């Protein structure tokens, strides 16, 4: 049988740093997957934040995979911070705090990097010097949006949005002062097909048909800005101010009270640079009990989505859990794949709780390989 291969692995987006941070809510992932100390987890690397954050749930092992080796180099760099730096040094090195000593701190990290990662970061000192958390292409895109809002809306209005301390006044502010024609026009233009395809990668959107990008994404973002506590939403602070307020209002892996726990568990992560399609062809049944696929299926057509799901089911433990996001498409596991049981009600609830901006769909499944095997016997 011909091996299923990625159709977008050669896209330019996957040759550079696409994401410095993760744009999925770790609290949603935590509640969706319910990771425990018996779990072996497969997680898409992306910016690395979620793979690191999953260590806080005390799993046995995490395989963090990405077809973009640069994303894995970033994950290595972040993990090296826990091995080679103290907490204040890590925040300074990554870019949270101002620093002119990042290249000096990088010397402490070199012994904890693979040869490939060390070569990459040594050849890109500018990315380190300027703070790696600011260097991803998608991060730049969101920062540009924040800059545009500061110009057209003014800093005082943005500060007012971010500092409300109760939902009632936040909703009133959004309804009466924020949700203007100007806001809708700026958002719909900046997140239009034309702008997103030029700034990101056209391959990301090659399967999207008959969708007005801006209004669809804005509906989700309006919900975040209106109905969820904005003062503790570090995603929105990052976009609008390029900073985190600190304390609990920052990604869990960057919070001080989690530093030592993560440091003691970093060796539980194995990093793999490979197409997900070929990776699963080598995995035995019962390899993984939890799967975080981020939004990788946005890049995969329906036929190959089904083929990939069949491979995933073969590697899953009984009652495994699998989740993924969609940006502009909506992919649902076909009913013919009886190994997957959709947990739609919980997924919809979690999507409403999602604090990150952008994703319009979230899917959660229980994977039951016995159902797959039973179906095969019945077919015979």
Protein backbone atom coordinates (compact mmCIF):
# COMPACT_ATOMS: atom_id res chain seq x y z
CA UNK A 1 0.00 0.00 0.00
CA UNK A 2 1.32 3.44 -0.91
CA UNK A 3 2.27 5.45 2.18
CA UNK A 4 0.09 8.48 2.83
CA UNK A 5 2.23 11.66 2.76
CA UNK A 6 1.71 15.30 3.61
CA UNK A 7 0.55 17.48 0.72
CA UNK A 8 1.84 20.71 2.30
CA UNK A 9 5.16 19.71 3.86
CA UNK A 10 7.03 21.77 1.24
CA UNK A 11 5.14 24.99 2.02
CA UNK A 12 7.48 27.89 2.87
CA UNK A 13 5.62 28.38 6.14
CA UNK A 14 7.19 25.17 7.46
CA UNK A 15 10.77 26.23 6.75
CA UNK A 16 10.81 29.11 9.25
CA UNK A 17 9.47 29.90 12.69
CA UNK A 18 5.72 30.03 12.19
CA UNK A 19 4.66 30.24 15.85
CA UNK A 20 6.59 31.60 18.83
CA UNK A 21 3.66 30.91 21.12
CA UNK A 22 0.63 28.62 21.02
CA UNK A 23 -2.73 30.11 20.15
CA UNK A 24 -4.87 27.42 21.79
CA UNK A 25 -6.13 27.66 25.34
CA UNK A 26 -4.31 25.20 27.66
CA UNK A 27 -7.28 25.16 30.03
CA UNK A 28 -9.50 23.88 27.21
CA UNK A 29 -6.90 21.21 26.40
CA UNK A 30 -6.68 20.22 30.06
CA UNK A 31 -10.45 19.76 30.40
CA UNK A 32 -10.81 18.07 27.02
CA UNK A 33 -8.09 15.44 27.35
CA UNK A 34 -8.18 14.93 31.14
CA UNK A 35 -4.53 13.82 31.16
CA UNK A 36 -3.44 11.78 34.18
CA UNK A 37 -0.33 9.99 35.44
CA UNK A 38 -1.04 6.87 33.36
CA UNK A 39 -1.21 8.68 30.02
CA UNK A 40 1.12 8.66 27.04
CA UNK A 41 0.35 11.79 25.04
CA UNK A 42 0.88 12.75 21.40
CA UNK A 43 0.94 16.55 21.01
CA UNK A 44 1.61 18.81 18.05
CA UNK A 45 4.56 21.05 18.91
CA UNK A 46 3.60 24.39 17.31
CA UNK A 47 5.04 26.98 19.71
CA UNK A 48 5.78 24.30 22.30
CA UNK A 49 3.72 25.89 25.07
CA UNK A 50 1.03 23.20 25.22
CA UNK A 51 3.44 20.28 25.11
CA UNK A 52 5.36 21.79 28.03
CA UNK A 53 2.19 22.72 29.89
CA UNK A 54 0.90 19.15 29.67
CA UNK A 55 3.75 18.15 31.99
CA UNK A 56 1.77 19.81 34.78
CA UNK A 57 -0.80 16.98 34.46
CA UNK A 58 1.95 14.47 35.29
CA UNK A 59 1.71 12.13 32.26
CA UNK A 60 4.04 9.19 31.83
CA UNK A 61 5.38 10.47 28.52
CA UNK A 62 4.74 13.08 25.83
CA UNK A 63 5.74 12.82 22.19
CA UNK A 64 5.77 16.33 20.72
CA UNK A 65 5.77 16.17 16.93
CA UNK A 66 5.95 18.73 14.14
CA UNK A 67 6.91 18.48 10.48
CA UNK A 68 8.61 21.87 10.87
CA UNK A 69 11.95 21.19 12.55
CA UNK A 70 12.28 24.88 13.47
CA UNK A 71 9.24 24.61 15.75
CA UNK A 72 10.93 21.70 17.49
CA UNK A 73 14.13 23.72 17.83
CA UNK A 74 12.04 26.32 19.64
CA UNK A 75 10.61 23.67 21.94
CA UNK A 76 14.14 22.45 22.68
CA UNK A 77 15.16 26.00 23.51
CA UNK A 78 12.23 26.47 25.88
CA UNK A 79 12.91 23.13 27.58
CA UNK A 80 16.58 24.06 27.89
CA UNK A 81 15.53 27.15 29.85
CA UNK A 82 14.15 24.89 32.59
CA UNK A 83 17.39 22.91 32.65
CA UNK A 84 19.94 25.70 32.44
CA UNK A 85 18.36 28.88 33.82
CA UNK A 86 16.61 30.13 36.93
CA UNK A 87 13.08 31.47 36.65
CA UNK A 88 13.89 35.22 36.31
CA UNK A 89 16.58 34.37 33.76
CA UNK A 90 14.10 32.37 31.69
CA UNK A 91 11.64 35.28 31.51
CA UNK A 92 14.43 37.63 30.49
CA UNK A 93 15.84 35.24 27.91
CA UNK A 94 12.52 34.47 26.22
CA UNK A 95 11.53 38.13 25.99
CA UNK A 96 9.01 38.61 28.80
CA UNK A 97 11.37 41.01 30.58
CA UNK A 98 13.71 43.51 28.90
CA UNK A 99 17.29 42.25 28.67
CA UNK A 100 20.56 42.92 26.84
CA UNK A 101 22.07 39.67 28.12
CA UNK A 102 20.14 37.09 26.09
CA UNK A 103 23.11 35.95 24.03
CA UNK A 104 25.06 35.52 27.26
CA UNK A 105 22.23 33.46 28.75
CA UNK A 106 22.18 31.38 25.57
CA UNK A 107 25.66 30.12 26.49
CA UNK A 108 24.09 28.39 29.50
CA UNK A 109 21.58 26.62 27.25
CA UNK A 110 23.97 25.22 24.68
CA UNK A 111 24.80 22.01 26.64
CA UNK A 112 21.09 21.17 26.74
CA UNK A 113 20.43 21.44 23.00
CA UNK A 114 20.77 18.83 20.28
CA UNK A 115 23.39 19.45 17.59
CA UNK A 116 20.70 20.47 15.08
CA UNK A 117 18.99 22.90 17.44
CA UNK A 118 22.31 24.37 18.57
CA UNK A 119 23.35 24.92 14.95
CA UNK A 120 20.05 26.62 14.10
CA UNK A 121 20.03 29.04 17.04
CA UNK A 122 23.74 29.79 16.66
CA UNK A 123 23.04 30.79 13.05
CA UNK A 124 20.10 33.01 14.08
CA UNK A 125 21.38 35.11 17.00
CA UNK A 126 19.01 37.94 16.09
CA UNK A 127 16.00 35.80 16.99
CA UNK A 128 17.47 35.25 20.45
CA UNK A 129 18.69 38.80 20.96
CA UNK A 130 15.24 40.22 20.24
CA UNK A 131 13.35 37.68 22.38
CA UNK A 132 12.23 34.43 20.75
CA UNK A 133 8.62 34.82 21.90
CA UNK A 134 8.25 37.74 19.48
CA UNK A 135 9.69 36.07 16.38
CA UNK A 136 6.99 33.75 14.98
CA UNK A 137 5.32 34.70 11.72
CA UNK A 138 1.80 34.32 13.13
CA UNK A 139 2.82 36.26 16.24
CA UNK A 140 4.01 39.10 14.00
CA UNK A 141 0.66 39.03 12.23
CA UNK A 142 -1.29 39.37 15.48
CA UNK A 143 1.08 42.08 16.73
CA UNK A 144 0.43 44.05 13.55
CA UNK A 145 -3.27 43.80 14.28
CA UNK A 146 -2.68 45.12 17.82
CA UNK A 147 -0.63 48.00 16.42
CA UNK A 148 -3.39 48.85 13.98
CA UNK A 149 -5.95 48.93 16.78
CA UNK A 150 -3.75 51.21 18.87
CA UNK A 151 -3.61 53.65 15.96
CA UNK A 152 -7.33 53.65 15.13
CA UNK A 153 -8.80 53.11 18.60
CA UNK A 154 -6.21 54.77 20.81
CA UNK A 155 -4.25 53.41 23.75
CA UNK A 156 -6.73 54.68 26.34
CA UNK A 157 -9.58 52.73 24.78
CA UNK A 158 -7.49 49.55 24.68
CA UNK A 159 -6.43 50.06 28.30
CA UNK A 160 -10.08 50.51 29.26
CA UNK A 161 -10.97 47.23 27.52
CA UNK A 162 -8.24 45.32 29.34
CA UNK A 163 -8.83 46.66 32.84
CA UNK A 164 -12.49 45.92 33.48
CA UNK A 165 -12.81 43.77 36.60
CA UNK A 166 -16.33 42.42 36.19
CA UNK A 167 -18.23 40.97 33.24
CA UNK A 168 -21.20 43.33 33.44
CA UNK A 169 -19.13 46.47 32.85
CA UNK A 170 -17.02 44.63 30.29
CA UNK A 171 -20.12 43.68 28.30
CA UNK A 172 -21.46 47.23 28.48
CA UNK A 173 -18.13 48.61 27.31
CA UNK A 174 -17.98 46.18 24.41
CA UNK A 175 -21.60 46.74 23.33
CA UNK A 176 -21.60 50.53 23.63
CA UNK A 177 -18.04 51.62 22.91
CA UNK A 178 -16.00 48.86 21.30
CA UNK A 179 -18.30 47.07 18.85
CA UNK A 180 -18.39 49.91 16.34
CA UNK A 181 -18.48 50.00 12.57
CA UNK A 182 -14.81 50.93 12.66
CA UNK A 183 -13.94 47.82 14.73
CA UNK A 184 -15.84 45.55 12.37
CA UNK A 185 -14.27 47.10 9.27
CA UNK A 186 -10.70 46.91 10.64
CA UNK A 187 -11.14 43.32 11.77
CA UNK A 188 -12.82 42.07 8.59
CA UNK A 189 -10.17 43.72 6.42
CA UNK A 190 -7.17 42.54 8.44
CA UNK A 191 -8.48 38.96 8.61
CA UNK A 192 -9.75 38.86 5.04
CA UNK A 193 -8.77 36.13 2.60
CA UNK A 194 -6.52 38.54 0.71
CA UNK A 195 -4.50 39.69 3.74
CA UNK A 196 -4.30 36.34 5.54
CA UNK A 197 -3.22 34.48 2.41
CA UNK A 198 -0.47 37.00 1.74
CA UNK A 199 0.86 37.24 5.26
CA UNK A 200 0.53 33.60 6.34
CA UNK A 201 0.67 30.85 3.70
CA UNK A 202 -1.86 30.24 0.89
CA UNK A 203 -1.49 26.48 1.44
CA UNK A 204 -3.19 26.90 4.81
CA UNK A 205 -6.36 28.10 3.09
CA UNK A 206 -6.33 26.03 -0.09
CA UNK A 207 -9.23 23.87 1.12
CA UNK A 208 -11.44 26.73 2.36
CA UNK A 209 -14.40 27.34 0.09
CA UNK A 210 -17.12 30.01 0.05
CA UNK A 211 -16.25 31.51 3.44
CA UNK A 212 -15.92 35.18 4.39
CA UNK A 213 -12.91 34.93 6.65
CA UNK A 214 -13.24 38.15 8.66
CA UNK A 215 -16.88 37.97 9.84
CA UNK A 216 -16.58 34.28 10.77
CA UNK A 217 -13.45 34.79 12.89
CA UNK A 218 -14.80 38.06 14.32
CA UNK A 219 -17.85 36.28 15.71
CA UNK A 220 -15.57 34.13 17.86
CA UNK A 221 -13.35 37.06 18.87
CA UNK A 222 -16.37 39.21 19.79
CA UNK A 223 -17.47 36.46 22.16
CA UNK A 224 -14.02 36.41 23.79
CA UNK A 225 -13.94 40.20 24.20
CA UNK A 226 -17.51 40.46 25.45
CA UNK A 227 -18.31 37.34 27.45
CA UNK A 228 -15.06 36.04 28.95
CA UNK A 229 -13.01 37.79 31.67
CA UNK A 230 -10.68 40.03 29.72
CA UNK A 231 -8.51 41.12 32.67
CA UNK A 232 -7.12 37.59 33.03
CA UNK A 233 -6.95 36.71 29.34
CA UNK A 234 -3.25 36.60 28.53
CA UNK A 235 -3.90 35.92 24.83
CA UNK A 236 -5.63 39.28 24.35
CA UNK A 237 -3.03 41.11 26.45
CA UNK A 238 -0.29 39.60 24.28
CA UNK A 239 -1.94 40.72 21.03
CA UNK A 240 -2.85 44.21 22.18
CA UNK A 241 0.15 45.10 24.37
CA UNK A 242 2.91 42.58 23.41
CA UNK A 243 3.26 41.71 27.09
CA UNK A 244 1.76 39.62 29.89
CA UNK A 245 0.56 41.28 33.12
CA UNK A 246 2.25 38.50 35.12
CA UNK A 247 1.10 36.13 37.83
CA UNK A 248 -1.66 33.84 36.57
CA UNK A 249 -2.20 36.05 33.51
CA UNK A 250 0.42 34.32 31.41
CA UNK A 251 0.80 30.83 29.89
CA UNK A 252 1.00 28.13 32.60
CA UNK A 253 4.51 27.08 31.57
CA UNK A 254 5.72 30.64 32.28
CA UNK A 255 4.13 30.95 35.71
CA UNK A 256 6.57 30.94 38.60
CA UNK A 257 4.65 28.44 40.74
CA UNK A 258 4.92 25.87 37.91
CA UNK A 259 8.63 26.31 37.20
CA UNK A 260 10.08 23.64 39.50
CA UNK A 261 7.40 21.07 38.62
CA UNK A 262 8.09 21.43 34.91
CA UNK A 263 11.84 21.43 35.51
CA UNK A 264 11.56 18.03 37.24
CA UNK A 265 9.62 16.54 34.31
CA UNK A 266 11.17 17.97 31.13
CA UNK A 267 12.84 14.66 30.28
CA UNK A 268 9.41 13.09 29.80
CA UNK A 269 9.08 14.90 26.45
CA UNK A 270 10.40 13.25 23.29
CA UNK A 271 10.64 15.56 20.28
CA UNK A 272 9.98 14.21 16.77
CA UNK A 273 10.42 16.10 13.50
CA UNK A 274 8.35 14.20 10.96
CA UNK A 275 5.15 14.20 8.95
CA UNK A 276 2.33 12.93 11.11
CA UNK A 277 1.19 10.68 8.24
CA UNK A 278 4.39 8.63 8.21
CA UNK A 279 4.86 8.71 11.98
CA UNK A 280 1.75 6.66 12.69
CA UNK A 281 2.64 3.91 10.23
CA UNK A 282 5.29 2.71 12.70
CA UNK A 283 3.23 2.84 15.89
CA UNK A 284 1.82 -0.23 17.62
CA UNK A 285 -1.70 -0.45 19.00
CA UNK A 286 -2.11 1.08 22.44
CA UNK A 287 0.80 3.49 22.04
CA UNK A 288 -1.08 6.68 22.98
CA UNK A 289 -4.00 7.43 25.27
CA UNK A 290 -4.36 11.17 24.56
CA UNK A 291 -3.93 13.17 21.34
CA UNK A 292 -3.64 16.94 20.87
CA UNK A 293 -3.70 17.75 17.15
CA UNK A 294 -3.95 21.55 17.35
CA UNK A 295 -5.36 22.60 13.94
CA UNK A 296 -3.22 20.42 11.65
CA UNK A 297 -6.29 19.01 9.93
CA UNK A 298 -6.96 22.45 8.43
CA UNK A 299 -4.11 21.62 6.05
CA UNK A 300 -5.36 18.12 5.14
CA UNK A 301 -8.03 17.25 2.57
CA UNK A 302 -11.01 15.07 3.47
CA UNK A 303 -9.68 11.87 1.92
CA UNK A 304 -6.32 12.04 3.66
CA UNK A 305 -8.03 13.12 6.87
CA UNK A 306 -9.90 9.81 6.85
CA UNK A 307 -6.76 7.80 6.06
CA UNK A 308 -4.87 9.53 8.85
CA UNK A 309 -7.66 8.88 11.35
CA UNK A 310 -7.51 5.17 10.54
CA UNK A 311 -3.78 5.17 11.36
CA UNK A 312 -4.41 7.13 14.55
CA UNK A 313 -7.04 4.65 15.71
CA UNK A 314 -4.59 1.78 15.32
CA UNK A 315 -2.16 3.46 17.71
CA UNK A 316 -4.75 4.43 20.33
CA UNK A 317 -5.40 2.84 23.69
CA UNK A 318 -8.90 1.83 24.67
CA UNK A 319 -10.97 4.92 25.61
CA UNK A 320 -8.28 7.31 24.38
CA UNK A 321 -9.19 10.95 23.80
CA UNK A 322 -8.44 13.08 20.74
CA UNK A 323 -9.06 16.77 20.16
CA UNK A 324 -8.41 19.34 17.44
CA UNK A 325 -9.36 22.84 16.29
CA UNK A 326 -10.49 24.19 12.94
CA UNK A 327 -10.00 27.78 11.83
CA UNK A 328 -12.27 28.24 8.81
CA UNK A 329 -13.19 24.68 7.82
CA UNK A 330 -15.23 22.27 9.89
CA UNK A 331 -13.99 18.70 9.76
CA UNK A 332 -16.00 16.02 11.54
CA UNK A 333 -14.92 12.38 11.75
CA UNK A 334 -17.00 10.34 9.27
CA UNK A 335 -19.63 8.03 10.78
CA UNK A 336 -17.99 5.11 8.97
CA UNK A 337 -15.05 5.35 11.39
CA UNK A 338 -16.77 3.59 14.26
CA UNK A 339 -13.67 3.71 16.46
CA UNK A 340 -14.41 7.38 17.14
CA UNK A 341 -17.18 8.54 19.47
CA UNK A 342 -17.89 12.24 19.20
CA UNK A 343 -18.20 14.18 22.48
CA UNK A 344 -19.99 17.09 20.88
CA UNK A 345 -21.70 18.62 23.92
CA UNK A 346 -18.49 18.89 25.92
CA UNK A 347 -16.58 20.16 22.89
CA UNK A 348 -19.12 22.95 22.31
CA UNK A 349 -18.98 23.93 25.97
CA UNK A 350 -15.19 24.08 25.90
CA UNK A 351 -15.18 26.12 22.69
CA UNK A 352 -17.31 28.73 24.46
CA UNK A 353 -14.68 28.84 27.22
CA UNK A 354 -11.77 29.19 24.78
CA UNK A 355 -9.89 32.43 25.56
CA UNK A 356 -7.67 32.43 22.47
CA UNK A 357 -8.71 34.34 19.37
CA UNK A 358 -9.26 32.75 16.01
CA UNK A 359 -10.50 29.17 16.03
CA UNK A 360 -14.16 28.77 15.16
CA UNK A 361 -14.55 25.00 15.76
CA UNK A 362 -13.32 22.50 18.33
CA UNK A 363 -13.81 18.74 18.19
CA UNK A 364 -13.34 16.10 20.88
CA UNK A 365 -13.55 12.33 20.41
CA UNK A 366 -13.18 9.19 22.44
CA UNK A 367 -11.22 6.58 20.51
CA UNK A 368 -12.20 2.95 20.91
CA UNK A 369 -10.00 0.67 18.75
CA UNK A 370 -12.11 -2.37 19.68
CA UNK A 371 -14.93 -0.88 17.60
CA UNK A 372 -12.56 -0.64 14.65
CA UNK A 373 -11.52 -4.26 15.00
CA UNK A 374 -15.11 -5.42 15.43
CA UNK A 375 -16.15 -3.60 12.25
CA UNK A 376 -13.37 -5.33 10.31
CA UNK A 377 -14.56 -8.75 11.50
CA UNK A 378 -18.12 -7.92 10.50
CA UNK A 379 -16.93 -6.81 7.06
CA UNK A 380 -15.23 -10.18 6.57
